[in-house]
N, C-alpha and C. Protein backbone atom coordinates (compact mmCIF):
# COMPACT_ATOMS: atom_id res chain seq x y z
N MET A 1 50.60 -57.15 7.58
CA MET A 1 49.86 -56.13 8.28
C MET A 1 50.14 -56.25 9.78
N MET A 2 50.45 -55.16 10.40
CA MET A 2 50.76 -55.15 11.82
C MET A 2 49.51 -54.80 12.63
N ILE A 3 49.45 -55.33 13.84
CA ILE A 3 48.34 -55.04 14.74
C ILE A 3 48.58 -53.69 15.39
N PRO A 4 47.56 -52.83 15.41
CA PRO A 4 47.74 -51.51 16.03
C PRO A 4 48.06 -51.64 17.52
N GLU A 5 48.87 -50.73 17.99
CA GLU A 5 49.30 -50.76 19.38
C GLU A 5 48.15 -50.51 20.36
N GLU A 6 47.09 -49.82 19.92
CA GLU A 6 45.96 -49.53 20.79
C GLU A 6 45.24 -50.79 21.25
N VAL A 7 45.31 -51.84 20.46
CA VAL A 7 44.64 -53.09 20.83
C VAL A 7 45.22 -53.62 22.13
N PHE A 8 46.51 -53.51 22.31
CA PHE A 8 47.14 -54.03 23.51
C PHE A 8 47.06 -53.05 24.67
N LYS A 9 46.94 -51.78 24.42
CA LYS A 9 46.85 -50.80 25.49
C LYS A 9 45.50 -50.84 26.19
N ARG A 10 44.43 -51.19 25.49
CA ARG A 10 43.12 -51.18 26.12
C ARG A 10 42.88 -52.40 26.99
N ARG A 11 43.69 -53.42 26.86
CA ARG A 11 43.54 -54.63 27.67
C ARG A 11 44.60 -54.65 28.76
N ARG A 12 44.16 -54.73 29.99
CA ARG A 12 45.08 -54.73 31.11
C ARG A 12 45.89 -56.02 31.09
N GLN A 13 47.17 -55.93 30.92
CA GLN A 13 48.11 -57.05 30.90
C GLN A 13 47.68 -58.13 29.91
N HIS A 14 47.07 -57.70 28.80
CA HIS A 14 46.63 -58.62 27.75
C HIS A 14 45.68 -59.67 28.27
N ASN A 15 44.93 -59.35 29.29
CA ASN A 15 44.02 -60.31 29.89
C ASN A 15 42.78 -59.56 30.35
N ASN A 16 41.66 -59.82 29.69
CA ASN A 16 40.44 -59.12 30.07
C ASN A 16 39.36 -60.07 30.57
N THR A 17 39.72 -61.27 30.97
CA THR A 17 38.75 -62.21 31.52
C THR A 17 38.51 -61.87 32.99
N PRO A 18 37.25 -61.71 33.38
CA PRO A 18 36.97 -61.36 34.78
C PRO A 18 37.41 -62.47 35.74
N GLU A 19 37.79 -62.06 36.94
CA GLU A 19 38.22 -63.02 37.95
C GLU A 19 37.11 -63.99 38.32
N SER A 20 35.88 -63.53 38.30
CA SER A 20 34.76 -64.42 38.64
C SER A 20 34.64 -65.55 37.62
N THR A 21 34.85 -65.26 36.36
CA THR A 21 34.80 -66.29 35.32
C THR A 21 35.96 -67.26 35.48
N LEU A 22 37.13 -66.75 35.77
CA LEU A 22 38.29 -67.63 35.97
C LEU A 22 38.09 -68.54 37.18
N LEU A 23 37.47 -68.02 38.24
CA LEU A 23 37.21 -68.83 39.43
C LEU A 23 36.21 -69.94 39.13
N ILE A 24 35.17 -69.63 38.38
CA ILE A 24 34.17 -70.64 38.02
C ILE A 24 34.80 -71.72 37.16
N ILE A 25 35.62 -71.34 36.20
CA ILE A 25 36.29 -72.33 35.35
C ILE A 25 37.23 -73.20 36.17
N ALA A 26 37.99 -72.59 37.07
CA ALA A 26 38.89 -73.36 37.93
C ALA A 26 38.11 -74.33 38.80
N ASN A 27 36.97 -73.90 39.32
CA ASN A 27 36.14 -74.79 40.14
C ASN A 27 35.70 -76.02 39.34
N PHE A 28 35.23 -75.79 38.12
CA PHE A 28 34.77 -76.91 37.30
C PHE A 28 35.90 -77.88 36.98
N ILE A 29 37.06 -77.36 36.66
CA ILE A 29 38.20 -78.22 36.33
C ILE A 29 38.61 -79.05 37.54
N VAL A 30 38.76 -78.41 38.69
CA VAL A 30 39.20 -79.12 39.90
C VAL A 30 38.17 -80.16 40.34
N VAL A 31 36.90 -79.80 40.34
CA VAL A 31 35.87 -80.75 40.78
C VAL A 31 35.77 -81.92 39.80
N ALA A 32 35.82 -81.65 38.51
CA ALA A 32 35.73 -82.74 37.53
C ALA A 32 36.91 -83.70 37.66
N ILE A 33 38.10 -83.18 37.81
CA ILE A 33 39.28 -84.04 37.94
C ILE A 33 39.25 -84.79 39.27
N ALA A 34 38.94 -84.09 40.36
CA ALA A 34 38.91 -84.74 41.67
C ALA A 34 37.83 -85.81 41.73
N THR A 35 36.69 -85.55 41.14
CA THR A 35 35.61 -86.54 41.16
C THR A 35 35.98 -87.76 40.33
N SER A 36 36.58 -87.54 39.18
CA SER A 36 36.93 -88.69 38.34
C SER A 36 38.07 -89.51 38.94
N LEU A 37 38.96 -88.86 39.70
CA LEU A 37 40.08 -89.59 40.28
C LEU A 37 39.77 -90.21 41.64
N PHE A 38 38.99 -89.54 42.47
CA PHE A 38 38.86 -89.96 43.86
C PHE A 38 37.46 -90.37 44.28
N ALA A 39 36.52 -90.47 43.32
CA ALA A 39 35.17 -90.88 43.67
C ALA A 39 34.64 -91.82 42.60
N ASP A 40 33.93 -92.83 43.04
CA ASP A 40 33.24 -93.71 42.10
C ASP A 40 31.86 -94.05 42.67
N LYS A 41 31.18 -94.98 42.03
CA LYS A 41 29.81 -95.30 42.41
C LYS A 41 29.70 -95.82 43.84
N ASN A 42 30.71 -96.55 44.30
CA ASN A 42 30.63 -97.21 45.60
C ASN A 42 31.36 -96.47 46.72
N HIS A 43 32.31 -95.60 46.39
CA HIS A 43 33.15 -95.03 47.43
C HIS A 43 33.65 -93.64 47.03
N VAL A 44 33.64 -92.74 48.00
CA VAL A 44 34.23 -91.42 47.82
C VAL A 44 35.43 -91.35 48.76
N SER A 45 36.60 -91.16 48.20
CA SER A 45 37.82 -91.14 48.99
C SER A 45 37.88 -89.92 49.89
N TRP A 46 38.56 -90.06 51.00
CA TRP A 46 38.73 -88.93 51.92
C TRP A 46 39.55 -87.83 51.26
N PHE A 47 40.42 -88.20 50.33
CA PHE A 47 41.25 -87.19 49.65
C PHE A 47 40.39 -86.28 48.77
N PHE A 48 39.28 -86.79 48.27
CA PHE A 48 38.35 -85.96 47.51
C PHE A 48 37.87 -84.80 48.37
N TRP A 49 37.52 -85.10 49.62
CA TRP A 49 37.02 -84.06 50.51
C TRP A 49 38.12 -83.07 50.90
N VAL A 50 39.34 -83.55 50.96
CA VAL A 50 40.47 -82.63 51.20
C VAL A 50 40.61 -81.66 50.03
N VAL A 51 40.52 -82.17 48.80
CA VAL A 51 40.62 -81.32 47.61
C VAL A 51 39.47 -80.31 47.59
N ILE A 52 38.26 -80.75 47.91
CA ILE A 52 37.11 -79.84 47.93
C ILE A 52 37.29 -78.78 49.02
N GLY A 53 37.82 -79.17 50.17
CA GLY A 53 38.09 -78.20 51.24
C GLY A 53 39.12 -77.17 50.83
N LEU A 54 40.18 -77.61 50.17
CA LEU A 54 41.20 -76.67 49.69
C LEU A 54 40.63 -75.75 48.61
N LEU A 55 39.75 -76.29 47.77
CA LEU A 55 39.10 -75.46 46.76
C LEU A 55 38.21 -74.42 47.41
N ALA A 56 37.52 -74.78 48.49
CA ALA A 56 36.69 -73.82 49.21
C ALA A 56 37.53 -72.70 49.82
N VAL A 57 38.69 -73.05 50.36
CA VAL A 57 39.60 -72.03 50.91
C VAL A 57 40.09 -71.11 49.80
N TYR A 58 40.44 -71.70 48.65
CA TYR A 58 40.88 -70.90 47.50
C TYR A 58 39.77 -69.96 47.05
N ASN A 59 38.53 -70.46 47.01
CA ASN A 59 37.40 -69.61 46.63
C ASN A 59 37.22 -68.46 47.61
N PHE A 60 37.32 -68.76 48.90
CA PHE A 60 37.15 -67.73 49.92
C PHE A 60 38.16 -66.60 49.74
N PHE A 61 39.42 -66.96 49.58
CA PHE A 61 40.45 -65.92 49.47
C PHE A 61 40.40 -65.19 48.14
N THR A 62 40.00 -65.87 47.07
CA THR A 62 39.87 -65.19 45.78
C THR A 62 38.71 -64.20 45.80
N ILE A 63 37.60 -64.60 46.38
CA ILE A 63 36.46 -63.70 46.48
C ILE A 63 36.79 -62.53 47.41
N ARG A 64 37.49 -62.80 48.48
CA ARG A 64 37.88 -61.74 49.42
C ARG A 64 38.84 -60.74 48.77
N LYS A 65 39.75 -61.26 47.93
CA LYS A 65 40.73 -60.39 47.27
C LYS A 65 40.07 -59.50 46.21
N ASN A 66 39.09 -60.03 45.52
CA ASN A 66 38.41 -59.30 44.44
C ASN A 66 36.96 -59.01 44.82
N ARG A 67 36.77 -58.50 46.00
CA ARG A 67 35.44 -58.30 46.57
C ARG A 67 34.55 -57.44 45.70
N GLU A 68 35.06 -56.34 45.17
CA GLU A 68 34.23 -55.42 44.39
C GLU A 68 33.72 -56.06 43.10
N GLU A 69 34.45 -57.00 42.54
CA GLU A 69 34.01 -57.67 41.32
C GLU A 69 32.98 -58.76 41.61
N PHE A 70 33.11 -59.43 42.73
CA PHE A 70 32.24 -60.56 43.03
C PHE A 70 30.90 -60.16 43.62
N PHE A 71 30.77 -58.96 44.13
CA PHE A 71 29.51 -58.57 44.75
C PHE A 71 28.61 -57.77 43.83
N THR A 72 28.63 -58.14 42.56
CA THR A 72 27.64 -57.63 41.62
C THR A 72 26.56 -58.70 41.48
N LYS A 73 25.38 -58.28 41.10
CA LYS A 73 24.26 -59.21 41.02
C LYS A 73 24.52 -60.33 40.02
N ALA A 74 25.07 -59.98 38.87
CA ALA A 74 25.34 -60.99 37.83
C ALA A 74 26.38 -62.00 38.29
N ALA A 75 27.42 -61.53 38.96
CA ALA A 75 28.48 -62.44 39.43
C ALA A 75 27.96 -63.38 40.51
N ILE A 76 27.12 -62.89 41.40
CA ILE A 76 26.56 -63.73 42.46
C ILE A 76 25.66 -64.80 41.86
N ILE A 77 24.81 -64.42 40.91
CA ILE A 77 23.93 -65.38 40.27
C ILE A 77 24.73 -66.44 39.53
N ALA A 78 25.74 -66.02 38.78
CA ALA A 78 26.57 -66.97 38.03
C ALA A 78 27.31 -67.92 38.98
N TYR A 79 27.81 -67.40 40.08
CA TYR A 79 28.56 -68.22 41.04
C TYR A 79 27.64 -69.25 41.70
N VAL A 80 26.44 -68.84 42.11
CA VAL A 80 25.50 -69.76 42.76
C VAL A 80 25.04 -70.84 41.77
N ILE A 81 24.77 -70.46 40.54
CA ILE A 81 24.38 -71.44 39.53
C ILE A 81 25.53 -72.42 39.27
N SER A 82 26.76 -71.92 39.24
CA SER A 82 27.90 -72.81 39.00
C SER A 82 28.09 -73.79 40.16
N LEU A 83 27.87 -73.34 41.40
CA LEU A 83 27.99 -74.24 42.54
C LEU A 83 26.92 -75.33 42.49
N ALA A 84 25.70 -74.96 42.13
CA ALA A 84 24.64 -75.95 42.00
C ALA A 84 24.97 -76.94 40.88
N THR A 85 25.52 -76.47 39.80
CA THR A 85 25.92 -77.34 38.70
C THR A 85 27.05 -78.28 39.12
N LEU A 86 27.97 -77.79 39.93
CA LEU A 86 29.06 -78.64 40.42
C LEU A 86 28.54 -79.77 41.29
N VAL A 87 27.54 -79.51 42.09
CA VAL A 87 26.92 -80.57 42.89
C VAL A 87 26.30 -81.60 41.95
N GLY A 88 25.64 -81.13 40.90
CA GLY A 88 25.08 -82.03 39.90
C GLY A 88 26.14 -82.85 39.19
N VAL A 89 27.26 -82.21 38.86
CA VAL A 89 28.38 -82.94 38.22
C VAL A 89 28.89 -84.05 39.14
N PHE A 90 29.00 -83.75 40.42
CA PHE A 90 29.44 -84.77 41.37
C PHE A 90 28.50 -85.97 41.37
N PHE A 91 27.19 -85.71 41.43
CA PHE A 91 26.24 -86.82 41.46
C PHE A 91 26.19 -87.57 40.14
N ILE A 92 26.38 -86.89 39.03
CA ILE A 92 26.40 -87.57 37.73
C ILE A 92 27.62 -88.48 37.64
N TYR A 93 28.78 -87.99 38.04
CA TYR A 93 29.99 -88.81 38.00
C TYR A 93 29.89 -90.02 38.92
N THR A 94 29.35 -89.83 40.11
CA THR A 94 29.32 -90.94 41.07
C THR A 94 28.18 -91.90 40.82
N SER A 95 27.18 -91.52 40.04
CA SER A 95 26.08 -92.44 39.77
C SER A 95 26.40 -93.39 38.62
N LYS A 96 27.36 -93.02 37.78
CA LYS A 96 27.74 -93.90 36.67
C LYS A 96 28.64 -95.00 37.18
N GLY A 97 28.50 -96.16 36.60
CA GLY A 97 29.28 -97.30 37.05
C GLY A 97 30.50 -97.45 36.28
């Protein structure tokens, strides 16, 4: 059985994941990896802060590029909740020995 051609026409470039969701996922992946590699219970490496700074710049330009998608109420709430969760992830990773 073949897949109808309409399935692929309704999805822009076969990708229908919103940019805001992709940004949140990228933030979680980068922060989790950077925290596990460059931070521990006793010390946070300066390179961790460089990675976080570069991630902030990436977030700024991604939000600026897709402004109309990010300035909806649901996207703002999801983004703020994800940032608060990322701070929690940082403290959970660094509190474990």
